N, C-alpha and C. Protein backbone atom coordinates (compact mmCIF):
# COMPACT_ATOMS: atom_id res chain seq x y z
N UNK A 1 110.06 139.49 126.51
CA UNK A 1 109.83 140.67 126.19
C UNK A 1 108.94 140.52 125.09
N UNK A 2 107.51 141.51 125.24
CA UNK A 2 106.50 141.63 123.99
C UNK A 2 106.15 142.52 123.83
N UNK A 3 105.33 142.93 122.40
CA UNK A 3 105.29 143.92 121.78
C UNK A 3 103.93 144.10 122.07
N UNK A 4 103.28 145.13 122.03
CA UNK A 4 101.73 145.51 122.61
C UNK A 4 101.56 147.06 121.54
N UNK A 5 100.65 146.67 120.73
CA UNK A 5 100.13 148.13 119.69
C UNK A 5 99.59 149.69 121.09
N UNK A 6 100.04 150.19 120.28
CA UNK A 6 99.57 151.87 121.72
C UNK A 6 98.60 151.78 121.12
N UNK A 7 97.59 152.20 122.14
CA UNK A 7 96.47 152.44 122.85
C UNK A 7 96.37 153.77 121.43
N UNK A 8 95.18 153.54 120.82
CA UNK A 8 94.60 154.82 119.92
C UNK A 8 95.17 154.88 118.38
N UNK A 9 95.97 153.50 118.45
CA UNK A 9 96.79 153.32 117.19
C UNK A 9 95.65 152.22 116.18
N UNK A 10 95.56 152.72 115.03
CA UNK A 10 94.00 151.83 114.18
C UNK A 10 95.09 151.27 113.20
N UNK A 11 94.78 150.15 112.87
CA UNK A 11 95.08 149.16 111.53
C UNK A 11 94.03 149.84 110.51
N UNK A 12 93.85 150.76 109.09
CA UNK A 12 92.43 150.94 108.56
C UNK A 12 93.52 150.34 106.80
N UNK A 13 92.26 150.61 106.11
CA UNK A 13 92.95 150.47 104.63
C UNK A 13 92.38 151.73 103.89
N UNK A 14 93.16 151.74 103.23
CA UNK A 14 92.54 153.30 102.37
C UNK A 14 93.35 153.23 100.46
N UNK A 15 92.58 153.07 100.11
CA UNK A 15 92.57 152.93 98.12
C UNK A 15 93.93 151.75 98.15
N UNK A 16 93.73 150.91 98.76
CA UNK A 16 94.06 149.47 99.29
C UNK A 16 95.44 149.38 99.78
N UNK A 17 96.18 150.43 100.05
CA UNK A 17 96.89 150.61 101.21
C UNK A 17 96.39 150.35 102.99
N UNK A 18 97.37 149.50 103.50
CA UNK A 18 97.53 149.67 105.02
C UNK A 18 97.69 150.14 105.58
N UNK A 19 97.25 150.85 106.50
CA UNK A 19 97.71 152.21 106.40
C UNK A 19 97.85 152.73 109.00
N UNK A 20 98.91 152.17 109.27
CA UNK A 20 98.40 152.68 110.89
C UNK A 20 98.66 153.88 110.93
N UNK A 21 97.15 154.23 111.86
CA UNK A 21 96.61 156.00 112.06
C UNK A 21 96.79 155.85 113.70
N UNK A 22 97.33 157.09 113.98
CA UNK A 22 97.12 157.41 115.68
C UNK A 22 96.06 157.96 115.87
N UNK A 23 95.00 157.63 116.50
CA UNK A 23 94.39 159.06 116.63
C UNK A 23 94.91 159.98 118.01
N UNK A 24 93.86 161.21 118.78
CA UNK A 24 94.21 161.74 119.34
C UNK A 24 95.19 161.13 120.65
N UNK A 25 94.80 159.87 120.99
CA UNK A 25 95.28 159.74 122.60
C UNK A 25 96.48 158.89 122.03
N UNK A 26 97.29 158.82 120.68
CA UNK A 26 98.48 157.98 120.48
C UNK A 26 99.55 159.40 119.47
N UNK A 27 98.88 160.40 119.05
CA UNK A 27 99.23 161.49 118.57
C UNK A 27 100.44 162.13 118.67
N UNK A 28 100.94 161.93 120.28
CA UNK A 28 101.92 162.60 121.06
C UNK A 28 103.27 161.64 120.87
N UNK A 29 103.02 160.40 121.04
CA UNK A 29 104.41 159.01 121.08
C UNK A 29 104.32 158.78 119.50
N UNK A 30 103.13 158.92 118.48
CA UNK A 30 103.40 159.17 116.70
C UNK A 30 102.35 159.63 116.23
N UNK A 31 102.83 160.94 116.02
CA UNK A 31 102.08 161.89 115.30
C UNK A 31 102.37 161.82 114.08
N UNK A 32 102.28 160.69 113.29
CA UNK A 32 102.08 160.33 112.09
C UNK A 32 101.33 159.31 111.41
N UNK A 33 101.32 158.86 110.44
CA UNK A 33 100.83 158.07 109.72
C UNK A 33 101.52 156.85 108.89
N UNK A 34 101.69 155.92 109.03
CA UNK A 34 102.58 154.81 108.57
C UNK A 34 101.99 154.40 107.72
N UNK A 35 102.41 153.33 106.64
CA UNK A 35 101.67 152.44 105.33
C UNK A 35 102.57 151.13 105.61
N UNK A 36 101.73 149.73 105.77
CA UNK A 36 102.55 149.13 106.09
C UNK A 36 102.19 148.28 105.36
N UNK A 37 103.04 146.90 104.51
CA UNK A 37 102.53 146.07 104.02
C UNK A 37 102.95 144.48 104.46
N UNK A 38 102.70 143.34 103.20
CA UNK A 38 102.68 142.07 104.15
C UNK A 38 102.52 141.82 105.20
N UNK A 39 103.86 140.61 105.77
CA UNK A 39 103.81 140.21 106.88
C UNK A 39 103.62 141.45 108.14
N UNK A 40 103.97 141.98 107.62
CA UNK A 40 104.16 143.05 108.57
C UNK A 40 102.58 143.59 109.37
N UNK A 41 101.49 143.98 108.64
CA UNK A 41 99.89 143.52 108.52
C UNK A 41 99.36 142.50 109.17
N UNK A 42 100.10 141.50 108.43
CA UNK A 42 100.03 140.04 109.57
C UNK A 42 100.38 139.96 110.84
N UNK A 43 101.35 140.08 111.03
CA UNK A 43 102.32 140.72 112.16
C UNK A 43 100.77 141.62 113.14
N UNK A 44 101.17 142.53 112.62
CA UNK A 44 100.20 143.68 113.81
C UNK A 44 99.11 143.00 114.32
N UNK A 45 98.22 142.33 112.87
CA UNK A 45 96.87 141.89 113.50
C UNK A 45 97.07 140.86 114.56
N UNK A 46 98.41 140.03 114.41
CA UNK A 46 98.63 138.47 115.67
C UNK A 46 98.54 139.63 117.43
N UNK A 47 99.01 140.72 117.07
CA UNK A 47 99.60 141.41 118.15
C UNK A 47 98.41 142.34 118.67
N UNK A 48 97.36 142.54 117.77
CA UNK A 48 96.57 143.26 118.48
C UNK A 48 95.78 141.95 119.12
N UNK A 49 95.38 140.99 118.47
CA UNK A 49 94.94 139.72 119.28
C UNK A 49 95.47 139.00 120.22
N UNK A 50 96.42 140.04 120.73
CA UNK A 50 96.76 139.12 121.80
C UNK A 50 98.55 138.30 121.57
N UNK A 51 98.96 137.72 120.44
CA UNK A 51 99.48 136.47 119.86
C UNK A 51 100.99 137.01 120.78
N UNK A 52 101.48 135.85 120.98
CA UNK A 52 103.07 135.53 121.53
C UNK A 52 103.70 135.87 119.99
N UNK A 53 104.78 136.44 120.47
CA UNK A 53 106.38 136.52 119.35
C UNK A 53 106.45 135.18 118.85
N UNK A 54 106.69 133.85 119.80
CA UNK A 54 106.62 132.88 119.02
C UNK A 54 105.73 132.41 117.94
N UNK A 55 104.74 133.05 117.90
CA UNK A 55 103.31 132.74 117.16
C UNK A 55 103.97 133.67 115.74
N UNK A 56 104.67 134.82 115.33
CA UNK A 56 105.01 135.75 114.71
C UNK A 56 105.53 135.07 114.17
N UNK A 57 107.50 134.39 114.71
CA UNK A 57 108.29 133.90 114.45
C UNK A 57 107.98 132.35 113.88
N UNK A 58 107.03 131.68 114.37
CA UNK A 58 106.93 129.88 113.63
C UNK A 58 105.85 130.58 112.30
N UNK A 59 105.36 131.34 112.40
CA UNK A 59 104.11 131.74 111.04
C UNK A 59 105.37 132.80 109.77
N UNK A 60 106.30 133.08 109.86
CA UNK A 60 107.61 133.62 109.63
C UNK A 60 108.32 132.72 108.77
N UNK A 61 108.25 131.32 110.07
CA UNK A 61 109.35 130.39 109.57
C UNK A 61 108.77 129.65 108.26
N UNK A 62 107.50 129.06 109.10
CA UNK A 62 106.60 128.46 107.71
C UNK A 62 106.35 129.05 106.12
N UNK A 63 105.71 129.96 106.54
CA UNK A 63 105.31 130.78 105.16
C UNK A 63 106.28 131.32 104.44
N UNK A 64 107.18 131.52 104.68
CA UNK A 64 108.32 132.32 104.25
C UNK A 64 109.62 131.14 103.80
N UNK A 65 109.70 129.71 104.41
CA UNK A 65 110.27 129.00 103.93
C UNK A 65 111.53 129.42 104.27
N UNK A 66 111.43 129.97 105.96
CA UNK A 66 113.14 130.19 105.99
C UNK A 66 113.08 129.81 107.43
N UNK A 67 114.53 129.99 108.00
CA UNK A 67 115.21 129.46 108.75
C UNK A 67 114.19 130.19 110.53
N UNK A 68 114.17 129.04 111.49
CA UNK A 68 113.78 129.70 112.54
C UNK A 68 114.17 131.00 113.41
N UNK A 69 115.55 131.05 112.86
CA UNK A 69 116.02 131.94 113.67
C UNK A 69 116.07 133.46 112.42
N UNK A 70 116.59 133.34 111.49
CA UNK A 70 115.94 134.75 110.59
C UNK A 70 114.52 134.47 110.40
N UNK A 71 113.61 133.52 111.18
CA UNK A 71 112.45 134.53 110.96
C UNK A 71 112.62 135.12 112.66
N UNK A 72 113.04 134.92 113.86
CA UNK A 72 113.77 135.80 114.66
C UNK A 72 114.40 137.06 114.37
N UNK A 73 115.38 137.23 113.68
CA UNK A 73 115.52 138.23 113.14
C UNK A 73 114.81 139.10 112.43
N UNK A 74 114.20 138.55 111.67
CA UNK A 74 113.12 139.55 110.53
C UNK A 74 111.80 139.95 111.21
N UNK A 75 111.55 139.29 112.16
CA UNK A 75 110.29 139.96 113.33
C UNK A 75 110.64 141.18 114.35
N UNK A 76 111.61 140.73 115.07
CA UNK A 76 112.40 141.74 115.83
C UNK A 76 112.67 142.99 115.31
N UNK A 77 113.32 142.69 113.72
CA UNK A 77 113.99 143.99 113.39
C UNK A 77 112.43 145.16 113.08
N UNK A 78 111.91 144.50 112.66
CA UNK A 78 110.45 144.98 111.99
C UNK A 78 109.86 145.46 113.66
N UNK A 79 109.03 145.09 114.17
CA UNK A 79 108.65 145.30 115.40
C UNK A 79 109.21 146.41 116.44
N UNK A 80 110.87 146.44 116.06
CA UNK A 80 112.04 147.15 117.23
C UNK A 80 111.31 148.72 115.92
N UNK A 81 111.41 148.14 115.22
CA UNK A 81 111.68 149.71 114.15
C UNK A 81 110.23 150.62 114.55
N UNK A 82 108.82 149.59 114.39
CA UNK A 82 107.71 149.98 114.85
C UNK A 82 107.25 150.82 116.34
N UNK A 83 108.22 150.10 117.07
CA UNK A 83 108.25 150.74 118.76
C UNK A 83 109.07 151.94 118.62
N UNK A 84 110.36 151.94 118.03
CA UNK A 84 111.44 153.30 117.86
C UNK A 84 110.35 154.20 117.39
N UNK A 85 109.17 153.93 116.90
CA UNK A 85 108.46 155.25 115.92
C UNK A 85 107.10 155.50 116.51
N UNK A 86 106.82 154.59 117.90
CA UNK A 86 105.92 155.14 118.90
C UNK A 86 104.69 154.18 118.59
N UNK A 87 104.41 153.09 117.33
CA UNK A 87 103.51 152.43 117.23
C UNK A 87 103.00 151.43 117.79
N UNK A 88 104.43 151.05 118.66
CA UNK A 88 104.39 149.64 119.52
C UNK A 88 104.89 150.21 120.53
N UNK A 89 104.26 149.28 121.92
CA UNK A 89 105.36 149.58 122.83
C UNK A 89 105.88 147.98 123.35
N UNK A 90 107.04 148.30 123.76
CA UNK A 90 107.71 146.72 124.47
C UNK A 90 107.54 146.69 125.83
N UNK A 91 107.17 145.75 126.34
CA UNK A 91 107.16 145.11 127.40
C UNK A 91 107.88 144.20 127.95
N UNK A 92 108.36 144.35 129.27
CA UNK A 92 109.01 142.74 129.97
C UNK A 92 108.24 142.03 130.27
């Protein structure tokens, strides 16, 4: 499984806040703007650049000094929420 950003969703900064903004192409699937912060911003950028989930898991494990299992649970949970809200597309 992998997640890819929905075409038409862009990450932008407004007054220091990181926002996922859907354009017209993506507005049917995710009709709202969402603020993201912290590691989720890094995860989004990694996915935009085509990184595999394994890279995200390892990044969380090392930078947060948590177990690999905790990192997998944390990343999967965050990305599943973005998928439910339409910002990401889940692929097999």
